Protein backbone atom coordinates (compact mmCIF):
# COMPACT_ATOMS: atom_id res chain seq x y z
CA MET A 1 112.92 97.44 86.03
CA THR A 2 109.73 97.82 83.99
CA LEU A 3 108.12 94.74 82.47
CA SER A 4 105.86 95.22 79.48
CA ILE A 5 104.82 91.64 78.79
CA PRO A 6 100.96 91.63 78.82
CA ASN A 7 100.57 88.81 81.33
CA THR A 8 103.21 90.10 83.75
CA ILE A 9 102.64 92.25 86.84
CA HIS A 10 104.22 95.60 86.05
CA ALA A 11 106.88 97.31 88.09
CA ASN A 12 105.33 99.96 90.32
CA LYS A 13 106.32 103.00 88.23
CA GLN A 14 104.52 101.75 85.13
CA LEU A 15 101.86 104.12 83.81
CA PHE A 16 98.21 103.08 83.94
CA ALA A 17 97.31 102.29 80.33
CA ALA A 18 94.00 101.51 78.66
CA GLY A 19 93.10 97.83 78.80
CA GLU A 20 94.89 97.26 82.10
CA VAL A 21 93.76 96.44 85.63
CA ALA A 22 95.14 97.97 88.82
CA LEU A 23 94.50 96.31 92.19
CA VAL A 24 94.85 99.22 94.60
CA GLY A 25 94.82 99.15 98.38
CA ALA A 26 92.74 102.05 99.69
CA GLY A 27 93.82 101.60 103.30
CA PRO A 28 91.40 101.55 106.26
CA GLY A 29 89.44 104.68 105.33
CA ASP A 30 91.33 107.88 106.09
CA PRO A 31 92.33 109.32 102.67
CA ASP A 32 95.49 110.75 104.25
CA LEU A 33 96.75 107.16 104.52
CA LEU A 34 96.65 106.54 100.77
CA THR A 35 100.04 106.03 99.18
CA LEU A 36 101.08 108.47 96.47
CA GLN A 37 101.04 105.58 94.05
CA ALA A 38 97.46 104.65 94.97
CA PHE A 39 96.42 108.28 94.51
CA ARG A 40 98.00 108.33 91.04
CA PHE A 41 96.06 105.27 89.89
CA ILE A 42 92.83 106.58 91.40
CA LYS A 43 93.15 109.86 89.49
CA HIS A 44 93.53 108.03 86.15
CA ALA A 45 90.80 105.41 86.51
CA GLU A 46 87.98 105.10 83.99
CA ILE A 47 86.15 102.21 85.72
CA VAL A 48 86.29 101.54 89.46
CA ILE A 49 85.13 98.28 91.02
CA TYR A 50 85.10 98.90 94.74
CA ASP A 51 84.44 97.21 98.06
CA ARG A 52 82.20 98.07 101.02
CA LEU A 53 85.05 99.38 103.18
CA VAL A 54 86.31 101.97 100.69
CA SER A 55 85.39 105.32 102.25
CA GLU A 56 83.30 108.02 100.60
CA GLU A 57 86.23 110.43 101.03
CA ILE A 58 88.41 108.19 98.88
CA LEU A 59 85.70 107.63 96.28
CA ALA A 60 85.40 111.41 96.00
CA LEU A 61 88.97 111.48 94.63
CA LEU A 62 87.97 109.59 91.48
CA PRO A 63 87.95 111.63 88.26
CA GLU A 64 84.70 113.03 86.93
CA GLY A 65 83.06 110.57 84.59
CA CYS A 66 84.64 107.48 86.18
CA LYS A 67 82.08 104.67 86.22
CA LYS A 68 81.56 103.20 89.73
CA VAL A 69 80.65 99.55 90.20
CA TYR A 70 79.92 98.45 93.78
CA VAL A 71 80.72 94.82 94.65
CA GLY A 72 80.84 95.04 98.45
CA LYS A 73 80.52 92.00 100.66
CA LYS A 74 79.00 91.52 104.10
CA GLN A 75 78.96 88.31 106.06
CA ALA A 76 76.52 85.96 104.31
CA ASP A 77 75.68 88.75 101.84
CA HIS A 78 77.88 88.85 98.74
CA ARG A 79 76.21 91.20 96.29
CA VAL A 80 78.49 89.99 93.50
CA PRO A 81 80.17 86.59 93.99
CA GLN A 82 83.93 86.44 93.65
CA ASP A 83 83.78 84.74 90.25
CA GLY A 84 81.59 87.60 89.05
CA ILE A 85 84.06 90.20 90.31
CA ASN A 86 86.92 88.45 88.54
CA GLN A 87 84.97 88.43 85.29
CA LEU A 88 84.04 92.12 85.58
CA LEU A 89 87.73 93.02 85.74
CA VAL A 90 88.45 91.12 82.56
CA ASP A 91 85.34 92.33 80.70
CA TYR A 92 86.02 96.01 81.36
CA ALA A 93 89.72 95.66 80.51
CA LYS A 94 88.76 94.07 77.19
CA GLN A 95 86.69 97.20 76.52
CA ASN A 96 90.03 99.02 76.56
CA LYS A 97 89.32 100.78 79.87
CA LYS A 98 91.66 101.64 82.75
CA VAL A 99 90.11 99.36 85.36
CA LEU A 100 90.68 100.23 89.00
CA ARG A 101 89.95 97.49 91.53
CA LEU A 102 89.77 99.50 94.74
CA LYS A 103 89.99 97.44 97.91
CA GLY A 104 89.90 98.38 101.58
CA GLY A 105 93.21 97.89 103.38
CA ASP A 106 95.81 95.97 101.38
CA PRO A 107 94.81 93.78 98.39
CA PHE A 108 96.92 90.87 99.64
CA VAL A 109 95.80 90.89 103.31
CA PHE A 110 92.44 89.05 103.46
CA GLY A 111 91.48 90.91 100.28
CA ARG A 112 91.44 88.12 97.67
CA GLY A 113 93.81 90.22 95.60
CA GLY A 114 95.87 87.18 94.72
CA GLU A 115 92.85 85.41 93.23
CA GLU A 116 91.86 88.45 91.20
CA ALA A 117 95.38 89.04 89.89
CA GLN A 118 95.70 85.38 88.86
CA PHE A 119 92.42 85.53 86.95
CA VAL A 120 93.33 88.76 85.16
CA LEU A 121 96.81 87.55 84.21
CA LYS A 122 95.41 84.23 82.97
CA HIS A 123 93.45 86.28 80.40
CA ASP A 124 96.64 88.03 79.20
CA ILE A 125 95.67 91.36 80.74
CA ALA A 126 98.35 93.46 82.38
CA CYS A 127 97.90 93.91 86.11
CA HIS A 128 99.33 96.42 88.58
CA ILE A 129 99.49 95.70 92.31
CA VAL A 130 99.49 98.73 94.61
CA PRO A 131 99.84 97.95 98.33
CA GLY A 132 97.75 99.72 100.92
CA MET A 133 97.99 100.17 104.67
CA THR A 134 96.26 97.24 106.32
CA ALA A 135 93.76 97.86 109.11
CA ALA A 136 95.73 96.00 111.78
CA SER A 137 98.61 98.45 111.44
CA ALA A 138 96.73 101.68 110.81
CA CYS A 139 93.79 101.32 113.19
CA THR A 140 95.94 100.25 116.12
CA SER A 141 98.33 103.15 115.56
CA TYR A 142 95.45 105.63 115.51
CA VAL A 143 94.33 104.52 118.97
CA GLY A 144 97.78 104.18 120.52
CA ILE A 145 98.32 100.43 120.38
CA PRO A 146 101.74 99.33 119.06
CA LEU A 147 101.54 95.86 117.56
CA THR A 148 104.98 95.06 118.93
CA HIS A 149 106.81 96.68 121.82
CA ARG A 150 110.21 95.83 123.26
CA GLN A 151 109.99 93.43 126.19
CA VAL A 152 106.19 93.28 125.81
CA ALA A 153 105.41 91.73 122.39
CA GLN A 154 107.94 90.30 119.95
CA SER A 155 105.47 88.96 117.39
CA CYS A 156 102.10 89.73 115.86
CA THR A 157 99.64 87.45 114.09
CA PHE A 158 96.84 88.54 111.72
CA ILE A 159 93.88 86.16 111.50
CA THR A 160 90.53 86.17 109.72
CA GLY A 161 87.62 85.58 112.08
CA ASN A 162 85.22 84.39 109.39
CA VAL A 163 83.69 81.06 110.32
CA GLN A 164 83.46 78.18 107.87
CA GLU A 165 80.15 76.96 106.45
CA ASN A 166 79.94 74.40 109.26
CA GLY A 167 79.96 77.22 111.82
CA LYS A 168 83.44 76.36 113.07
CA LEU A 169 86.62 78.39 113.17
CA ALA A 170 89.43 75.91 112.63
CA LEU A 171 92.61 77.61 113.84
CA PRO A 172 95.84 76.43 115.53
CA TRP A 173 94.70 77.93 118.84
CA HIS A 174 97.67 76.50 120.73
CA THR A 175 100.01 78.76 118.71
CA LEU A 176 98.16 81.92 119.85
CA THR A 177 98.74 81.67 123.60
CA ASP A 178 102.20 83.24 123.95
CA LYS A 179 101.98 86.19 126.35
CA LYS A 180 104.45 88.14 124.17
CA GLN A 181 102.40 87.73 121.02
CA THR A 182 99.82 90.23 119.78
CA VAL A 183 96.85 88.65 117.99
CA VAL A 184 94.63 90.65 115.63
CA PHE A 185 91.37 89.28 114.24
CA TYR A 186 89.87 90.78 111.11
CA MET A 187 86.14 90.22 110.57
CA GLY A 188 85.91 88.69 114.03
CA ILE A 189 83.09 90.53 115.76
CA LYS A 190 80.43 87.95 114.78
CA SER A 191 82.58 85.04 115.88
CA LEU A 192 83.96 86.75 119.00
CA PRO A 193 82.28 84.36 121.49
CA LEU A 194 83.99 81.45 119.74
CA ILE A 195 87.32 83.30 119.51
CA SER A 196 87.34 84.17 123.21
CA GLN A 197 86.29 80.68 124.26
CA GLN A 198 88.89 78.90 122.14
CA LEU A 199 91.76 81.21 123.07
CA MET A 200 91.12 80.75 126.79
CA ALA A 201 90.62 77.02 126.39
CA ALA A 202 94.01 76.84 124.67
CA GLY A 203 95.66 78.64 127.58
CA ARG A 204 95.48 82.38 126.90
CA GLN A 205 94.67 84.09 130.19
CA GLY A 206 91.23 85.69 130.43
CA SER A 207 92.90 88.73 132.04
CA THR A 208 94.88 89.43 128.84
CA PRO A 209 94.29 93.05 127.75
CA ALA A 210 92.12 93.35 124.64
CA ALA A 211 90.54 96.06 122.50
CA LEU A 212 87.80 96.46 119.90
CA ILE A 213 88.40 99.17 117.28
CA HIS A 214 85.25 100.15 115.39
CA LYS A 215 85.58 102.04 112.08
CA GLY A 216 89.23 102.76 112.76
CA THR A 217 90.85 105.91 111.25
CA SER A 218 87.44 107.32 110.30
CA PRO A 219 85.66 110.25 111.99
CA LYS A 220 83.38 107.63 113.59
CA GLN A 221 86.26 105.74 115.16
CA GLN A 222 85.58 104.17 118.56
CA VAL A 223 87.88 102.06 120.71
CA TYR A 224 86.72 99.89 123.59
CA ARG A 225 89.35 98.45 125.95
CA GLY A 226 88.98 95.58 128.36
CA THR A 227 90.19 92.02 128.82
CA LEU A 228 89.80 88.87 126.78
CA ASP A 229 87.19 87.38 129.10
CA LYS A 230 85.06 90.55 128.99
CA LEU A 231 85.04 91.25 125.24
CA ASN A 232 81.60 89.73 124.71
CA ASP A 233 80.23 91.96 127.46
CA LEU A 234 81.68 95.03 125.70
CA VAL A 235 79.98 94.05 122.44
CA ALA A 236 76.63 93.62 124.17
CA LEU A 237 76.95 96.79 126.25
CA HIS A 238 77.86 99.06 123.33
CA ASN A 239 76.05 97.16 120.55
CA ILE A 240 79.29 96.97 118.56
CA LYS A 241 78.90 96.03 114.89
CA PRO A 242 81.30 95.39 112.00
CA PRO A 243 83.65 96.68 110.80
CA THR A 244 85.51 96.15 114.06
CA LEU A 245 89.06 94.96 114.59
CA VAL A 246 89.77 92.67 117.58
CA VAL A 247 93.19 93.13 119.19
CA ILE A 248 94.50 90.90 121.99
CA GLY A 249 97.76 91.30 123.90
CA ASP A 250 99.65 93.21 126.58
CA VAL A 251 100.47 95.99 124.10
CA ILE A 252 96.93 97.30 124.62
CA ASN A 253 98.09 99.08 127.80
CA THR A 254 101.38 100.49 126.48
CA PHE A 255 100.21 104.12 126.82
CA ASP A 256 98.32 105.58 129.76
CA GLU A 257 95.31 107.89 129.31
CA LYS A 258 97.37 111.09 129.51
CA SER A 259 99.74 109.85 126.81
CA LEU A 260 96.87 108.75 124.58
CA ALA A 261 95.37 112.24 124.73
CA ASN A 262 98.61 113.67 123.33
CA LEU A 263 99.32 111.22 120.53
CA GLY A 264 97.92 113.54 117.86
CA TYR A 265 95.70 111.04 116.01
CA LEU A 266 91.94 110.96 115.94
CA SER A 267 90.88 111.20 119.56
CA PRO A 268 90.16 107.74 120.97
CA LYS A 269 86.89 107.49 122.90
């Protein structure tokens, strides 16, 4: 069913019209992981407002003449504050442009897509939502880590590792200690010492398998495997920087080295 009311999120097959905004998930970086729907919106954009984690390969798919506006964020370095991003979407839409908000991963998984959609709709501007493959799913698959596996992990939890302004990371740590639960931290490399400490203090065994996936699905992908109690040592040894996904759980060791070499994805290192 297609809805045409201006302040309603359109059904997914709706065409991208002038004066509308599309929040599009670009996935974790590999352009092959774009949905067909995302590709269609990208090819019709007139203005793109994009994040730091949108790859150059995906930006290269934009049509000639599309205006690019970079609003990427790093920890403690927000080039354009969120209120400013929201207003840009509305301002360009009111100029009767097809406004593409291109976001790494999925707009609704730690992407503030909900906030942006609310702001756009409040201004009676039509908004499309196009899901993307989130990093926790794509990056783990590319390095041979299933998020769930029968008799090994029956649940998976996605968590943001960004600390609050007071330097703390207030999480229900006691709910993250189940041996059959995979835990994935986005944006957690800076707060990894705190994450490791709190998980072990809550009862998660230090010997729990863990992995750090740096720039997953890209040609620069690197994966470092170890245990929860040794993750900080891995970061120091290899000078690991963001963007890096932190994965904790017994699923890390599902495949042996011979199997990993034959998975057919980007070769893990």
